[in-house]
Amino acid sequence: MKPSRTRGLILGLALVLGLTGCASAAQTANAPIERAEVLMPPSYRFDPVAIQVPVGTTVTWRNTDNFSHAVSVAGGTVPILDLRPGQSGTITFDQPGTYAYVCTYHAQDMQGTVSVVER
């Protein structure tokens, strides 16, 4: 095999392996984290985006951003948390299921989920 062709195959294989590693990291980043607190740091996001908690857990959202944010759980079964900078709010999840939520002020950028499981 010619050296230039071998070099091209090696570079191609390195690119494929590098992209595969990025895809795995992205999938892991979206996996629910066992945690009962979600931060709203600067840059219009929830951190972490997806959490998992046992039934009966009270989840706290903390606004550490410089702007107001509001947490609204899909289905409207719980009140909306309207949080100014520095404020926190809580919601207790008494039923198993996956609950999607958004910031009503920044719904295009700020979305998350709470997975509630029985233990």
Protein backbone atom coordinates (compact mmCIF):
# COMPACT_ATOMS: atom_id res chain seq x y z
CA MET A 1 0.00 0.00 0.00
CA LYS A 2 1.27 3.48 -0.80
CA PRO A 3 2.36 5.65 2.17
CA SER A 4 -0.09 8.45 1.26
CA ARG A 5 -3.00 6.00 1.11
CA THR A 6 -2.01 4.45 4.44
CA ARG A 7 -1.78 7.89 6.00
CA GLY A 8 -5.26 8.73 4.64
CA LEU A 9 -6.74 5.53 6.10
CA ILE A 10 -5.17 6.24 9.49
CA LEU A 11 -6.50 9.82 9.50
CA GLY A 12 -9.97 8.58 8.47
CA LEU A 13 -10.00 5.97 11.24
CA ALA A 14 -8.89 8.58 13.80
CA LEU A 15 -11.73 10.88 12.68
CA VAL A 16 -14.33 8.11 13.02
CA LEU A 17 -13.07 7.14 16.47
CA GLY A 18 -13.03 10.79 17.56
CA LEU A 19 -16.62 11.36 16.42
CA THR A 20 -17.75 8.17 18.15
CA GLY A 21 -16.26 9.42 21.40
CA CYS A 22 -18.11 12.74 21.04
CA ALA A 23 -21.42 10.97 20.47
CA SER A 24 -20.90 8.84 23.59
CA ALA A 25 -20.11 11.93 25.67
CA ALA A 26 -23.26 13.67 24.40
CA GLN A 27 -25.42 10.67 25.26
CA THR A 28 -23.91 10.45 28.74
CA ALA A 29 -24.46 14.19 29.28
CA ASN A 30 -28.22 13.73 28.77
CA ALA A 31 -28.56 10.70 31.06
CA PRO A 32 -30.48 11.53 34.27
CA ILE A 33 -28.28 12.34 37.25
CA GLU A 34 -29.42 11.23 40.70
CA ARG A 35 -29.77 14.62 42.31
CA ALA A 36 -32.53 16.71 43.89
CA GLU A 37 -31.17 20.14 42.94
CA VAL A 38 -31.10 21.96 39.60
CA LEU A 39 -29.11 25.14 39.12
CA MET A 40 -29.88 27.94 36.69
CA PRO A 41 -26.38 29.34 36.10
CA PRO A 42 -25.59 32.20 33.72
CA SER A 43 -26.12 31.31 30.04
CA TYR A 44 -29.81 30.34 30.02
CA ARG A 45 -29.65 26.66 30.95
CA PHE A 46 -30.61 24.13 33.59
CA ASP A 47 -27.75 22.22 35.22
CA PRO A 48 -28.15 19.30 35.13
CA VAL A 49 -30.70 19.05 32.32
CA ALA A 50 -32.06 15.67 33.45
CA ILE A 51 -32.31 14.36 37.00
CA GLN A 52 -33.68 11.22 38.62
CA VAL A 53 -35.18 11.12 42.12
CA PRO A 54 -37.18 8.66 44.25
CA VAL A 55 -40.94 9.16 44.72
CA GLY A 56 -41.66 11.76 47.41
CA THR A 57 -38.52 13.81 46.76
CA THR A 58 -38.61 17.58 46.92
CA VAL A 59 -36.52 19.05 44.08
CA THR A 60 -34.97 22.49 44.48
CA TRP A 61 -34.29 24.89 41.60
CA ARG A 62 -31.74 27.64 42.38
CA ASN A 63 -31.45 30.71 40.18
CA THR A 64 -27.77 31.69 40.18
CA ASP A 65 -28.16 33.69 36.94
CA ASN A 66 -28.48 37.48 36.63
CA PHE A 67 -31.96 37.19 35.06
CA SER A 68 -35.34 35.91 36.27
CA HIS A 69 -36.40 32.41 35.27
CA ALA A 70 -39.61 30.44 35.77
CA VAL A 71 -39.97 26.68 36.09
CA SER A 72 -43.18 25.26 34.63
CA VAL A 73 -43.82 21.51 34.68
CA ALA A 74 -45.70 20.20 31.62
CA GLY A 75 -49.32 19.42 32.33
CA GLY A 76 -49.75 22.30 34.77
CA THR A 77 -50.24 19.99 37.77
CA VAL A 78 -47.93 22.06 39.99
CA PRO A 79 -47.57 25.82 40.38
CA ILE A 80 -45.01 27.70 38.32
CA LEU A 81 -41.87 28.72 40.20
CA ASP A 82 -41.06 32.35 39.35
CA LEU A 83 -37.48 32.88 40.51
CA ARG A 84 -35.57 36.16 40.48
CA PRO A 85 -31.75 36.11 40.69
CA GLY A 86 -30.64 34.49 43.95
CA GLN A 87 -34.01 32.87 44.67
CA SER A 88 -34.83 29.15 45.04
CA GLY A 89 -38.06 27.21 44.75
CA THR A 90 -39.14 23.63 45.34
CA ILE A 91 -41.57 21.09 43.92
CA THR A 92 -42.33 17.71 45.53
CA PHE A 93 -42.86 14.77 43.18
CA ASP A 94 -45.24 12.21 44.74
CA GLN A 95 -45.97 10.07 41.67
CA PRO A 96 -43.57 8.06 39.49
CA GLY A 97 -43.08 9.23 35.92
CA THR A 98 -41.03 11.55 33.76
CA TYR A 99 -41.87 15.23 34.12
CA ALA A 100 -40.75 17.69 31.45
CA TYR A 101 -40.28 21.31 32.50
CA VAL A 102 -39.28 24.60 30.88
CA CYS A 103 -38.39 28.14 31.80
CA THR A 104 -41.47 30.01 30.62
CA TYR A 105 -39.34 33.10 29.89
CA HIS A 106 -36.73 31.20 27.84
CA ALA A 107 -38.53 28.05 26.67
CA GLN A 108 -36.48 27.75 23.49
CA ASP A 109 -33.21 27.42 25.45
CA MET A 110 -34.17 26.10 28.88
CA GLN A 111 -35.79 22.66 29.06
CA GLY A 112 -35.28 19.75 31.43
CA THR A 113 -36.76 16.57 32.87
CA VAL A 114 -37.26 15.00 36.26
CA SER A 115 -37.55 11.21 36.26
CA VAL A 116 -39.33 10.02 39.41
CA VAL A 117 -38.80 6.35 40.25
CA GLU A 118 -39.95 3.96 42.94
CA ARG A 119 -37.17 2.47 45.04
